[in-house]
């Protein structure tokens, strides 16, 4: 009987949420480490992608891979335990697109701002960056809207919308800062923070949902 209770409480998709949180915890630690290892990259004029170029570049590559894996595990968790509306399915699919895009970003480093010539690798990175942020931002709003249709997710809907709105503001500010030569490196980091906040908060709620389902 005790073994049966243990098996029931171990919801199979709970681990997907845990994996997502673990991936983004690694991302946070690795990015903080890169700031210490590469002080020659001014925060105001270098985006985090620049850390993949030069010394310790492999650490930034691992950050992109961790983000891709974290996005993928969250996508799977939402596919199995999230709302089942068409809107939610599209949102989940867009997270999948972004997870693939992050893997592409890992293997195609960016061109530094001071580079005299653009490269094919840098162009691919820039295109994957656009696909990643647009796919993820749209997915956040579609999923936020769909959370109201599921009683298990309804309590998270307002927080999800709030964080998604901050991501949208961050995205617009990021684009404007690059055009106006504002300290876009700082804006880029703030954008990544709010983006990761939505992903981690959603993963935590997913863990809560799957834990409750496993205990039922």
N, C-alpha and C. Protein backbone atom coordinates (compact mmCIF):
# COMPACT_ATOMS: atom_id res chain seq x y z
N UNK A 1 0.84 -1.20 0.00
CA UNK A 1 0.00 0.00 0.00
C UNK A 1 0.88 1.26 0.00
N UNK A 2 1.96 1.23 0.80
CA UNK A 2 2.88 2.38 0.87
C UNK A 2 3.53 2.62 -0.47
N UNK A 3 3.95 1.51 -1.14
CA UNK A 3 4.58 1.64 -2.46
C UNK A 3 3.61 2.24 -3.46
N UNK A 4 2.33 1.88 -3.35
CA UNK A 4 1.32 2.40 -4.26
C UNK A 4 1.16 3.91 -4.09
N UNK A 5 1.20 4.37 -2.83
CA UNK A 5 1.08 5.80 -2.55
C UNK A 5 2.26 6.55 -3.14
N UNK A 6 3.47 6.00 -3.02
CA UNK A 6 4.66 6.63 -3.57
C UNK A 6 4.55 6.77 -5.07
N UNK A 7 4.08 5.71 -5.74
CA UNK A 7 3.95 5.74 -7.19
C UNK A 7 2.92 6.78 -7.62
N UNK A 8 1.82 6.91 -6.87
CA UNK A 8 0.78 7.87 -7.23
C UNK A 8 1.31 9.30 -7.09
N UNK A 9 2.07 9.55 -6.01
CA UNK A 9 2.55 10.90 -5.74
C UNK A 9 3.63 11.35 -6.72
N UNK A 10 4.28 10.40 -7.40
CA UNK A 10 5.33 10.75 -8.34
C UNK A 10 4.73 10.95 -9.72
N UNK A 11 4.16 12.11 -9.94
CA UNK A 11 3.59 12.44 -11.24
C UNK A 11 4.72 12.50 -12.26
N UNK A 12 4.58 11.80 -13.39
CA UNK A 12 5.68 11.70 -14.36
C UNK A 12 6.12 13.03 -14.95
N UNK A 13 5.25 14.04 -15.03
CA UNK A 13 5.60 15.30 -15.67
C UNK A 13 6.14 16.34 -14.68
N UNK A 14 6.13 15.99 -13.41
CA UNK A 14 6.67 16.88 -12.39
C UNK A 14 8.15 17.13 -12.64
N UNK A 15 8.85 16.11 -13.13
CA UNK A 15 10.28 16.21 -13.36
C UNK A 15 10.61 17.16 -14.52
N UNK A 16 9.68 17.32 -15.44
CA UNK A 16 9.91 18.26 -16.54
C UNK A 16 9.99 19.69 -16.01
N UNK A 17 9.10 20.02 -15.08
CA UNK A 17 9.12 21.35 -14.46
C UNK A 17 10.42 21.55 -13.68
N UNK A 18 10.84 20.53 -12.95
CA UNK A 18 12.08 20.62 -12.17
C UNK A 18 13.27 20.82 -13.10
N UNK A 19 13.28 20.11 -14.22
CA UNK A 19 14.37 20.24 -15.18
C UNK A 19 14.44 21.65 -15.75
N UNK A 20 13.28 22.24 -16.01
CA UNK A 20 13.25 23.61 -16.52
C UNK A 20 13.87 24.59 -15.53
N UNK A 21 13.46 24.49 -14.28
CA UNK A 21 14.00 25.37 -13.24
C UNK A 21 15.51 25.17 -13.10
N UNK A 22 15.96 23.92 -13.14
CA UNK A 22 17.38 23.62 -13.01
C UNK A 22 18.18 24.22 -14.18
N UNK A 23 17.63 24.12 -15.38
CA UNK A 23 18.30 24.67 -16.56
C UNK A 23 18.49 26.18 -16.44
N UNK A 24 17.45 26.88 -16.00
CA UNK A 24 17.55 28.33 -15.93
C UNK A 24 18.32 28.79 -14.69
N UNK A 25 18.42 27.95 -13.68
CA UNK A 25 19.31 28.25 -12.55
C UNK A 25 20.76 28.20 -13.03
N UNK A 26 21.04 27.21 -13.87
CA UNK A 26 22.38 27.12 -14.45
C UNK A 26 22.66 28.33 -15.34
N UNK A 27 21.68 28.73 -16.15
CA UNK A 27 21.83 29.90 -17.02
C UNK A 27 22.20 31.13 -16.20
N UNK A 28 21.49 31.36 -15.11
CA UNK A 28 21.75 32.53 -14.27
C UNK A 28 23.17 32.50 -13.70
N UNK A 29 23.58 31.34 -13.20
CA UNK A 29 24.93 31.22 -12.61
C UNK A 29 26.02 31.39 -13.67
N UNK A 30 25.81 30.78 -14.83
CA UNK A 30 26.81 30.85 -15.90
C UNK A 30 26.95 32.28 -16.44
N UNK A 31 25.84 32.98 -16.57
CA UNK A 31 25.90 34.36 -17.07
C UNK A 31 26.60 35.28 -16.06
N UNK A 32 26.33 35.08 -14.79
CA UNK A 32 27.03 35.87 -13.77
C UNK A 32 28.53 35.58 -13.82
N UNK A 33 28.88 34.32 -14.05
CA UNK A 33 30.29 33.94 -14.14
C UNK A 33 30.95 34.60 -15.35
N UNK A 34 30.24 34.66 -16.47
CA UNK A 34 30.80 35.26 -17.68
C UNK A 34 31.09 36.74 -17.47
N UNK A 35 30.27 37.43 -16.69
CA UNK A 35 30.53 38.83 -16.41
C UNK A 35 31.85 39.00 -15.65
N UNK A 36 32.16 38.02 -14.81
CA UNK A 36 33.41 38.08 -14.05
C UNK A 36 34.61 37.68 -14.91
N UNK A 37 34.39 36.70 -15.80
CA UNK A 37 35.48 36.20 -16.63
C UNK A 37 35.83 37.12 -17.79
N UNK A 38 34.83 37.89 -18.27
CA UNK A 38 35.07 38.77 -19.43
C UNK A 38 34.74 40.23 -19.09
N UNK A 39 35.47 40.83 -18.16
CA UNK A 39 35.22 42.24 -17.83
C UNK A 39 35.56 43.18 -18.98
N UNK A 40 36.30 42.66 -20.00
CA UNK A 40 36.64 43.49 -21.15
C UNK A 40 35.43 43.74 -22.05
N UNK A 41 34.36 42.96 -21.88
CA UNK A 41 33.12 43.20 -22.62
C UNK A 41 32.24 44.14 -21.80
N UNK A 42 32.22 45.39 -22.17
CA UNK A 42 31.42 46.37 -21.44
C UNK A 42 29.95 45.99 -21.47
N UNK A 43 29.33 46.02 -20.31
CA UNK A 43 27.92 45.63 -20.20
C UNK A 43 27.04 46.53 -21.06
N UNK A 44 27.39 47.79 -21.18
CA UNK A 44 26.54 48.74 -21.90
C UNK A 44 26.54 48.54 -23.40
N UNK A 45 27.63 47.98 -23.93
CA UNK A 45 27.75 47.88 -25.39
C UNK A 45 27.93 46.45 -25.91
N UNK A 46 27.72 45.49 -25.05
CA UNK A 46 27.83 44.09 -25.48
C UNK A 46 26.60 43.31 -25.00
N UNK A 47 25.97 42.61 -25.94
CA UNK A 47 24.86 41.73 -25.59
C UNK A 47 25.42 40.43 -25.07
N UNK A 48 24.61 39.65 -24.40
CA UNK A 48 25.12 38.42 -23.79
C UNK A 48 25.60 37.43 -24.84
N UNK A 49 25.08 37.53 -26.06
CA UNK A 49 25.53 36.63 -27.14
C UNK A 49 27.02 36.80 -27.43
N UNK A 50 27.55 37.99 -27.14
CA UNK A 50 28.96 38.27 -27.43
C UNK A 50 29.88 37.39 -26.60
N UNK A 51 29.39 36.89 -25.46
CA UNK A 51 30.23 36.05 -24.62
C UNK A 51 30.59 34.72 -25.30
N UNK A 52 29.89 34.38 -26.36
CA UNK A 52 30.20 33.14 -27.07
C UNK A 52 31.42 33.31 -27.97
N UNK A 53 31.88 34.55 -28.14
CA UNK A 53 33.03 34.85 -29.00
C UNK A 53 34.25 35.12 -28.14
N UNK A 54 35.31 34.38 -28.38
CA UNK A 54 36.55 34.61 -27.64
C UNK A 54 36.72 33.66 -26.47
N UNK A 55 37.52 34.09 -25.50
CA UNK A 55 37.83 33.25 -24.35
C UNK A 55 36.57 32.83 -23.58
N UNK A 56 36.56 31.58 -23.15
CA UNK A 56 35.45 31.00 -22.38
C UNK A 56 34.14 31.00 -23.16
N UNK A 57 34.23 31.08 -24.48
CA UNK A 57 33.02 31.09 -25.29
C UNK A 57 32.16 29.85 -25.10
N UNK A 58 32.80 28.73 -24.75
CA UNK A 58 32.07 27.48 -24.58
C UNK A 58 31.04 27.58 -23.44
N UNK A 59 31.33 28.46 -22.46
CA UNK A 59 30.37 28.62 -21.37
C UNK A 59 29.08 29.25 -21.89
N UNK A 60 29.21 30.26 -22.76
CA UNK A 60 28.01 30.89 -23.33
C UNK A 60 27.28 29.92 -24.25
N UNK A 61 28.03 29.08 -24.95
CA UNK A 61 27.40 28.04 -25.77
C UNK A 61 26.55 27.14 -24.90
N UNK A 62 27.10 26.77 -23.74
CA UNK A 62 26.35 25.91 -22.81
C UNK A 62 25.11 26.62 -22.27
N UNK A 63 25.18 27.96 -22.15
CA UNK A 63 24.01 28.74 -21.70
C UNK A 63 22.89 28.63 -22.72
N UNK A 64 23.22 28.81 -23.99
CA UNK A 64 22.21 28.68 -25.04
C UNK A 64 21.60 27.27 -25.05
N UNK A 65 22.47 26.27 -24.88
CA UNK A 65 21.97 24.89 -24.87
C UNK A 65 21.05 24.65 -23.67
N UNK A 66 21.44 25.18 -22.51
CA UNK A 66 20.61 25.03 -21.31
C UNK A 66 19.27 25.72 -21.49
N UNK A 67 19.28 26.90 -22.10
CA UNK A 67 18.03 27.61 -22.36
C UNK A 67 17.14 26.81 -23.32
N UNK A 68 17.77 26.23 -24.35
CA UNK A 68 17.01 25.42 -25.30
C UNK A 68 16.39 24.20 -24.65
N UNK A 69 17.17 23.52 -23.81
CA UNK A 69 16.67 22.33 -23.12
C UNK A 69 15.57 22.73 -22.13
N UNK A 70 15.80 23.83 -21.39
CA UNK A 70 14.79 24.29 -20.43
C UNK A 70 13.49 24.66 -21.11
N UNK A 71 13.59 25.32 -22.26
CA UNK A 71 12.40 25.67 -23.02
C UNK A 71 11.68 24.40 -23.51
N UNK A 72 12.47 23.40 -23.92
CA UNK A 72 11.90 22.16 -24.44
C UNK A 72 11.18 21.37 -23.35
N UNK A 73 11.78 21.28 -22.17
CA UNK A 73 11.13 20.53 -21.09
C UNK A 73 9.86 21.24 -20.62
N UNK A 74 9.88 22.59 -20.63
CA UNK A 74 8.66 23.32 -20.28
C UNK A 74 7.58 23.09 -21.34
N UNK A 75 8.00 23.08 -22.59
CA UNK A 75 7.05 22.81 -23.68
C UNK A 75 6.38 21.44 -23.49
N UNK A 76 7.18 20.43 -23.17
CA UNK A 76 6.62 19.09 -22.96
C UNK A 76 5.67 19.07 -21.77
N UNK A 77 6.08 19.74 -20.68
CA UNK A 77 5.23 19.77 -19.49
C UNK A 77 3.90 20.43 -19.75
N UNK A 78 3.92 21.53 -20.50
CA UNK A 78 2.67 22.23 -20.83
C UNK A 78 1.83 21.42 -21.82
N UNK A 79 2.49 20.70 -22.70
CA UNK A 79 1.77 19.88 -23.67
C UNK A 79 0.98 18.78 -22.96
N UNK A 80 1.56 18.23 -21.90
CA UNK A 80 0.92 17.13 -21.18
C UNK A 80 0.01 17.60 -20.05
N UNK A 81 0.38 18.71 -19.39
CA UNK A 81 -0.35 19.11 -18.19
C UNK A 81 -0.90 20.53 -18.24
N UNK A 82 -0.78 21.19 -19.39
CA UNK A 82 -1.31 22.54 -19.52
C UNK A 82 -2.70 22.54 -20.11
N UNK A 83 -3.26 23.73 -20.36
CA UNK A 83 -4.59 23.82 -20.99
C UNK A 83 -4.59 23.12 -22.35
N UNK A 84 -5.75 22.65 -22.76
CA UNK A 84 -5.84 21.88 -24.01
C UNK A 84 -6.52 22.65 -25.14
N UNK A 85 -6.63 23.96 -25.02
CA UNK A 85 -7.28 24.74 -26.06
C UNK A 85 -6.35 24.87 -27.27
N UNK A 86 -6.93 25.27 -28.40
CA UNK A 86 -6.14 25.47 -29.62
C UNK A 86 -5.09 26.55 -29.39
N UNK A 87 -5.50 27.61 -28.69
CA UNK A 87 -4.58 28.72 -28.40
C UNK A 87 -3.37 28.23 -27.60
N UNK A 88 -3.64 27.36 -26.63
CA UNK A 88 -2.56 26.82 -25.81
C UNK A 88 -1.64 25.94 -26.64
N UNK A 89 -2.22 25.14 -27.54
CA UNK A 89 -1.41 24.24 -28.38
C UNK A 89 -0.50 25.03 -29.30
N UNK A 90 -1.00 26.14 -29.83
CA UNK A 90 -0.17 26.99 -30.68
C UNK A 90 0.97 27.58 -29.85
N UNK A 91 0.64 28.04 -28.65
CA UNK A 91 1.66 28.60 -27.76
C UNK A 91 2.73 27.58 -27.43
N UNK A 92 2.31 26.36 -27.14
CA UNK A 92 3.27 25.29 -26.84
C UNK A 92 4.15 25.01 -28.05
N UNK A 93 3.55 25.01 -29.23
CA UNK A 93 4.32 24.79 -30.45
C UNK A 93 5.36 25.88 -30.68
N UNK A 94 5.01 27.12 -30.36
CA UNK A 94 5.96 28.23 -30.52
C UNK A 94 7.12 28.11 -29.53
N UNK A 95 6.85 27.58 -28.34
CA UNK A 95 7.95 27.32 -27.41
C UNK A 95 8.90 26.28 -27.99
N UNK A 96 8.34 25.31 -28.69
CA UNK A 96 9.17 24.31 -29.35
C UNK A 96 10.04 24.93 -30.42
N UNK A 97 9.47 25.85 -31.19
CA UNK A 97 10.24 26.56 -32.22
C UNK A 97 11.40 27.33 -31.58
N UNK A 98 11.11 28.01 -30.47
CA UNK A 98 12.14 28.79 -29.78
C UNK A 98 13.23 27.88 -29.21
N UNK A 99 12.85 26.71 -28.73
CA UNK A 99 13.85 25.79 -28.17
C UNK A 99 14.83 25.34 -29.25
N UNK A 100 14.33 25.09 -30.46
CA UNK A 100 15.20 24.72 -31.57
C UNK A 100 16.07 25.91 -31.96
N UNK A 101 15.46 27.10 -31.98
CA UNK A 101 16.21 28.30 -32.32
C UNK A 101 17.36 28.57 -31.37
N UNK A 102 17.18 28.27 -30.10
CA UNK A 102 18.24 28.47 -29.12
C UNK A 102 19.40 27.51 -29.35
N UNK A 103 19.09 26.30 -29.81
CA UNK A 103 20.16 25.36 -30.15
C UNK A 103 20.95 25.89 -31.34
N UNK A 104 20.23 26.44 -32.31
CA UNK A 104 20.90 27.05 -33.47
C UNK A 104 21.80 28.20 -33.01
N UNK A 105 21.29 29.04 -32.11
CA UNK A 105 22.09 30.16 -31.59
C UNK A 105 23.37 29.68 -30.93
N UNK A 106 23.30 28.51 -30.30
CA UNK A 106 24.47 27.97 -29.60
C UNK A 106 25.60 27.64 -30.57
N UNK A 107 25.26 27.13 -31.73
CA UNK A 107 26.28 26.66 -32.66
C UNK A 107 26.65 27.67 -33.75
N UNK A 108 25.98 28.81 -33.74
CA UNK A 108 26.30 29.87 -34.71
C UNK A 108 26.52 31.17 -33.93
N UNK A 109 27.77 31.43 -33.52
CA UNK A 109 28.07 32.63 -32.72
C UNK A 109 27.76 33.92 -33.48
N UNK A 110 27.50 34.95 -32.72
CA UNK A 110 27.19 36.26 -33.28
C UNK A 110 28.44 36.96 -33.78
N UNK A 111 28.25 38.01 -34.56
CA UNK A 111 29.35 38.90 -34.93
C UNK A 111 29.42 40.02 -33.89
N UNK A 112 30.60 40.33 -33.42
CA UNK A 112 30.75 41.43 -32.47
C UNK A 112 30.46 42.76 -33.15
N UNK A 113 30.02 43.72 -32.38
CA UNK A 113 29.68 45.04 -32.92
C UNK A 113 30.88 45.69 -33.60
N UNK A 114 32.06 45.44 -33.08
CA UNK A 114 33.25 46.07 -33.64
C UNK A 114 33.81 45.33 -34.85
N UNK A 115 33.18 44.21 -35.21
CA UNK A 115 33.65 43.46 -36.38
C UNK A 115 33.49 44.29 -37.65
N UNK A 116 34.49 44.23 -38.51
CA UNK A 116 34.46 45.05 -39.74
C UNK A 116 33.61 44.43 -40.83
N UNK A 117 33.47 43.12 -40.82
CA UNK A 117 32.66 42.44 -41.84
C UNK A 117 31.67 41.49 -41.19
N UNK A 118 30.50 41.39 -41.80
CA UNK A 118 29.48 40.45 -41.31
C UNK A 118 29.78 39.05 -41.85
N UNK A 119 29.45 38.04 -41.07
CA UNK A 119 29.69 36.66 -41.48
C UNK A 119 28.36 35.92 -41.62
N UNK A 120 28.41 34.81 -42.35
CA UNK A 120 27.23 33.98 -42.51
C UNK A 120 26.78 33.43 -41.16
N UNK A 121 27.75 33.05 -40.34
CA UNK A 121 27.45 32.53 -39.01
C UNK A 121 26.72 33.58 -38.16
N UNK A 122 27.22 34.83 -38.21
CA UNK A 122 26.58 35.90 -37.46
C UNK A 122 25.17 36.18 -37.95
N UNK A 123 24.98 36.10 -39.27
CA UNK A 123 23.64 36.33 -39.83
C UNK A 123 22.66 35.26 -39.36
N UNK A 124 23.11 34.01 -39.35
CA UNK A 124 22.24 32.92 -38.87
C UNK A 124 21.89 33.13 -37.40
N UNK A 125 22.87 33.57 -36.62
CA UNK A 125 22.62 33.83 -35.20
C UNK A 125 21.58 34.93 -35.03
N UNK A 126 21.73 36.00 -35.80
CA UNK A 126 20.79 37.12 -35.69
C UNK A 126 19.36 36.68 -36.06
N UNK A 127 19.25 35.88 -37.11
CA UNK A 127 17.93 35.41 -37.54
C UNK A 127 17.32 34.49 -36.48
N UNK A 128 18.14 33.61 -35.89
CA UNK A 128 17.62 32.71 -34.86
C UNK A 128 17.21 33.51 -33.62
N UNK A 129 17.95 34.59 -33.33
CA UNK A 129 17.60 35.46 -32.20
C UNK A 129 16.21 36.06 -32.40
N UNK A 130 15.95 36.56 -33.60
CA UNK A 130 14.64 37.15 -33.88
C UNK A 130 13.53 36.11 -33.77
N UNK A 131 13.78 34.93 -34.33
CA UNK A 131 12.78 33.86 -34.26
C UNK A 131 12.53 33.48 -32.81
N UNK A 132 13.59 33.38 -32.03
CA UNK A 132 13.47 32.96 -30.63
C UNK A 132 12.60 33.93 -29.82
N UNK A 133 12.95 35.22 -29.91
CA UNK A 133 12.25 36.18 -29.04
C UNK A 133 10.81 36.41 -29.51
N UNK A 134 10.58 36.41 -30.82
CA UNK A 134 9.22 36.61 -31.31
C UNK A 134 8.34 35.41 -30.99
N UNK A 135 8.87 34.20 -31.21
CA UNK A 135 8.12 32.98 -30.92
C UNK A 135 7.77 32.89 -29.44
N UNK A 136 8.76 33.17 -28.60
CA UNK A 136 8.54 33.07 -27.16
C UNK A 136 7.55 34.11 -26.66
N UNK A 137 7.68 35.34 -27.16
CA UNK A 137 6.78 36.41 -26.72
C UNK A 137 5.34 36.13 -27.11
N UNK A 138 5.12 35.71 -28.35
CA UNK A 138 3.76 35.37 -28.79
C UNK A 138 3.23 34.19 -27.98
N UNK A 139 4.09 33.19 -27.75
CA UNK A 139 3.68 32.01 -26.98
C UNK A 139 3.23 32.39 -25.57
N UNK A 140 3.94 33.33 -24.96
CA UNK A 140 3.58 33.75 -23.60
C UNK A 140 2.18 34.33 -23.53
N UNK A 141 1.83 35.16 -24.50
CA UNK A 141 0.50 35.78 -24.48
C UNK A 141 -0.60 34.77 -24.83
N UNK A 142 -0.32 33.87 -25.76
CA UNK A 142 -1.31 32.85 -26.10
C UNK A 142 -1.56 31.93 -24.91
N UNK A 143 -0.49 31.53 -24.25
CA UNK A 143 -0.64 30.65 -23.09
C UNK A 143 -1.30 31.38 -21.93
N UNK A 144 -0.93 32.64 -21.72
CA UNK A 144 -1.54 33.42 -20.64
C UNK A 144 -3.05 33.50 -20.83
N UNK A 145 -3.47 33.75 -22.08
CA UNK A 145 -4.90 33.83 -22.37
C UNK A 145 -5.58 32.49 -22.15
N UNK A 146 -4.89 31.40 -22.47
CA UNK A 146 -5.49 30.07 -22.36
C UNK A 146 -5.57 29.58 -20.92
N UNK A 147 -4.75 30.12 -20.03
CA UNK A 147 -4.74 29.66 -18.64
C UNK A 147 -6.10 29.87 -17.95
N UNK A 148 -6.85 30.86 -18.41
CA UNK A 148 -8.15 31.10 -17.81
C UNK A 148 -9.16 30.01 -18.09
N UNK A 149 -8.89 29.17 -19.09
CA UNK A 149 -9.83 28.11 -19.46
C UNK A 149 -9.64 26.83 -18.65
N UNK A 150 -8.58 26.79 -17.84
CA UNK A 150 -8.26 25.59 -17.08
C UNK A 150 -8.22 25.95 -15.59
N UNK A 151 -9.03 25.31 -14.79
CA UNK A 151 -9.13 25.67 -13.36
C UNK A 151 -7.79 25.48 -12.64
N UNK A 152 -6.97 24.55 -13.11
CA UNK A 152 -5.68 24.31 -12.45
C UNK A 152 -4.69 25.45 -12.73
N UNK A 153 -4.91 26.14 -13.83
CA UNK A 153 -4.00 27.21 -14.23
C UNK A 153 -4.58 28.61 -14.04
N UNK A 154 -5.85 28.70 -13.72
CA UNK A 154 -6.53 29.99 -13.66
C UNK A 154 -5.87 30.96 -12.67
N UNK A 155 -5.39 30.43 -11.56
CA UNK A 155 -4.78 31.27 -10.54
C UNK A 155 -3.47 31.90 -10.99
N UNK A 156 -2.87 31.36 -12.02
CA UNK A 156 -1.58 31.87 -12.51
C UNK A 156 -1.76 32.86 -13.66
N UNK A 157 -2.97 32.97 -14.18
CA UNK A 157 -3.21 33.75 -15.39
C UNK A 157 -2.77 35.21 -15.25
N UNK A 158 -3.12 35.86 -14.16
CA UNK A 158 -2.79 37.28 -13.99
C UNK A 158 -1.28 37.49 -13.92
N UNK A 159 -0.60 36.65 -13.15
CA UNK A 159 0.86 36.75 -13.04
C UNK A 159 1.51 36.50 -14.39
N UNK A 160 0.99 35.52 -15.12
CA UNK A 160 1.54 35.21 -16.44
C UNK A 160 1.40 36.39 -17.39
N UNK A 161 0.24 37.02 -17.39
CA UNK A 161 0.03 38.19 -18.24
C UNK A 161 0.96 39.34 -17.85
N UNK A 162 1.13 39.54 -16.56
CA UNK A 162 2.00 40.61 -16.08
C UNK A 162 3.44 40.40 -16.55
N UNK A 163 3.95 39.19 -16.36
CA UNK A 163 5.32 38.89 -16.77
C UNK A 163 5.46 38.95 -18.29
N UNK A 164 4.44 38.47 -19.01
CA UNK A 164 4.47 38.52 -20.47
C UNK A 164 4.49 39.97 -20.96
N UNK A 165 3.75 40.83 -20.26
CA UNK A 165 3.73 42.25 -20.62
C UNK A 165 5.10 42.88 -20.40
N UNK A 166 5.78 42.51 -19.33
CA UNK A 166 7.12 43.01 -19.08
C UNK A 166 8.09 42.53 -20.16
N UNK A 167 7.90 41.30 -20.62
CA UNK A 167 8.73 40.77 -21.70
C UNK A 167 8.51 41.58 -22.98
N UNK A 168 7.25 41.88 -23.27
CA UNK A 168 6.94 42.67 -24.47
C UNK A 168 7.56 44.06 -24.38
N UNK A 169 7.45 44.68 -23.21
CA UNK A 169 8.07 45.99 -23.01
C UNK A 169 9.58 45.89 -23.19
N UNK A 170 10.16 44.82 -22.66
CA UNK A 170 11.59 44.60 -22.80
C UNK A 170 12.00 44.41 -24.24
N UNK A 171 11.17 43.69 -25.00
CA UNK A 171 11.46 43.45 -26.41
C UNK A 171 11.44 44.76 -27.19
N UNK A 172 10.40 45.54 -26.99
CA UNK A 172 10.29 46.83 -27.70
C UNK A 172 11.45 47.75 -27.31
N UNK A 173 11.76 47.79 -26.02
CA UNK A 173 12.87 48.62 -25.55
C UNK A 173 14.19 48.15 -26.14
N UNK A 174 14.35 46.84 -26.26
CA UNK A 174 15.57 46.28 -26.84
C UNK A 174 15.74 46.75 -28.28
N UNK A 175 14.67 46.68 -29.06
CA UNK A 175 14.73 47.10 -30.46
C UNK A 175 15.03 48.59 -30.56
N UNK A 176 14.35 49.39 -29.75
CA UNK A 176 14.56 50.84 -29.79
C UNK A 176 15.97 51.22 -29.33
N UNK A 177 16.48 50.51 -28.34
CA UNK A 177 17.81 50.83 -27.82
C UNK A 177 18.90 50.57 -28.85
N UNK A 178 18.72 49.55 -29.68
CA UNK A 178 19.70 49.23 -30.70
C UNK A 178 19.68 50.27 -31.82
N UNK A 179 18.53 50.82 -32.08
CA UNK A 179 18.40 51.82 -33.14
C UNK A 179 18.87 53.20 -32.67
N UNK A 180 18.73 53.45 -31.38
CA UNK A 180 19.08 54.76 -30.84
C UNK A 180 20.45 54.78 -30.16
N UNK A 181 21.18 53.66 -30.25
CA UNK A 181 22.50 53.55 -29.63
C UNK A 181 22.45 53.79 -28.12
N UNK A 182 21.32 53.46 -27.53
CA UNK A 182 21.16 53.48 -26.07
C UNK A 182 22.03 52.34 -25.53
N UNK A 183 22.35 52.31 -24.22
CA UNK A 183 23.11 51.18 -23.69
C UNK A 183 22.34 49.87 -23.84
N UNK A 184 22.34 49.37 -25.07
CA UNK A 184 21.52 48.19 -25.42
C UNK A 184 21.96 46.93 -24.70
N UNK A 185 23.22 46.90 -24.26
CA UNK A 185 23.69 45.73 -23.52
C UNK A 185 22.96 45.57 -22.20
N UNK A 186 22.72 46.68 -21.53
CA UNK A 186 21.98 46.67 -20.26
C UNK A 186 20.53 46.24 -20.52
N UNK A 187 19.94 46.83 -21.56
CA UNK A 187 18.56 46.48 -21.91
C UNK A 187 18.45 45.00 -22.25
N UNK A 188 19.43 44.49 -22.96
CA UNK A 188 19.44 43.07 -23.33
C UNK A 188 19.42 42.17 -22.10
N UNK A 189 20.18 42.54 -21.09
CA UNK A 189 20.23 41.73 -19.88
C UNK A 189 18.91 41.80 -19.10
N UNK A 190 18.32 43.00 -19.05
CA UNK A 190 17.03 43.13 -18.38
C UNK A 190 15.96 42.32 -19.11
N UNK A 191 16.02 42.33 -20.44
CA UNK A 191 15.07 41.55 -21.23
C UNK A 191 15.21 40.05 -20.92
N UNK A 192 16.44 39.58 -20.86
CA UNK A 192 16.68 38.16 -20.56
C UNK A 192 16.16 37.81 -19.17
N UNK A 193 16.31 38.73 -18.23
CA UNK A 193 15.85 38.48 -16.85
C UNK A 193 14.33 38.29 -16.82
N UNK A 194 13.57 39.21 -17.46
CA UNK A 194 12.12 39.09 -17.41
C UNK A 194 11.64 37.89 -18.24
N UNK A 195 12.36 37.59 -19.30
CA UNK A 195 12.02 36.41 -20.10
C UNK A 195 12.18 35.13 -19.27
N UNK A 196 13.32 35.04 -18.61
CA UNK A 196 13.57 33.87 -17.76
C UNK A 196 12.58 33.81 -16.60
N UNK A 197 12.16 34.98 -16.10
CA UNK A 197 11.22 35.02 -14.98
C UNK A 197 9.90 34.36 -15.37
N UNK A 198 9.40 34.64 -16.59
CA UNK A 198 8.14 34.02 -17.03
C UNK A 198 8.33 32.51 -17.15
N UNK A 199 9.42 32.09 -17.75
CA UNK A 199 9.66 30.66 -17.96
C UNK A 199 9.77 29.91 -16.63
N UNK A 200 10.51 30.47 -15.70
CA UNK A 200 10.69 29.82 -14.39
C UNK A 200 9.39 29.84 -13.60
N UNK A 201 8.68 30.97 -13.60
CA UNK A 201 7.41 31.06 -12.87
C UNK A 201 6.40 30.06 -13.43
N UNK A 202 6.38 29.92 -14.75
CA UNK A 202 5.46 28.95 -15.37
C UNK A 202 5.85 27.53 -15.01
N UNK A 203 7.16 27.26 -14.97
CA UNK A 203 7.63 25.92 -14.59
C UNK A 203 7.27 25.61 -13.14
N UNK A 204 7.38 26.60 -12.27
CA UNK A 204 7.03 26.40 -10.86
C UNK A 204 5.53 26.10 -10.72
N UNK A 205 4.70 26.83 -11.50
CA UNK A 205 3.27 26.54 -11.44
C UNK A 205 2.97 25.16 -12.03
N UNK A 206 3.70 24.79 -13.07
CA UNK A 206 3.54 23.46 -13.66
C UNK A 206 3.87 22.39 -12.62
N UNK A 207 4.93 22.61 -11.87
CA UNK A 207 5.29 21.66 -10.82
C UNK A 207 4.18 21.56 -9.78
N UNK A 208 3.60 22.71 -9.45
CA UNK A 208 2.50 22.74 -8.48
C UNK A 208 1.29 21.95 -9.01
N UNK A 209 1.00 22.15 -10.29
CA UNK A 209 -0.14 21.45 -10.91
C UNK A 209 0.10 19.95 -10.93
N UNK A 210 1.30 19.55 -11.35
CA UNK A 210 1.58 18.11 -11.45
C UNK A 210 1.70 17.47 -10.07
N UNK A 211 2.17 18.22 -9.09
CA UNK A 211 2.25 17.69 -7.71
C UNK A 211 0.84 17.45 -7.17
N UNK A 212 -0.05 18.42 -7.42
CA UNK A 212 -1.44 18.27 -6.97
C UNK A 212 -2.12 17.10 -7.68
N UNK A 213 -1.82 16.94 -8.97
CA UNK A 213 -2.43 15.83 -9.73
C UNK A 213 -1.92 14.49 -9.22
N UNK A 214 -0.60 14.46 -8.88
CA UNK A 214 -0.04 13.21 -8.40
C UNK A 214 -0.56 12.83 -7.03
N UNK A 215 -0.96 13.83 -6.25
CA UNK A 215 -1.44 13.56 -4.88
C UNK A 215 -2.93 13.24 -4.86
N UNK A 216 -3.60 13.51 -5.99
CA UNK A 216 -5.06 13.31 -6.02
C UNK A 216 -5.41 11.84 -5.98
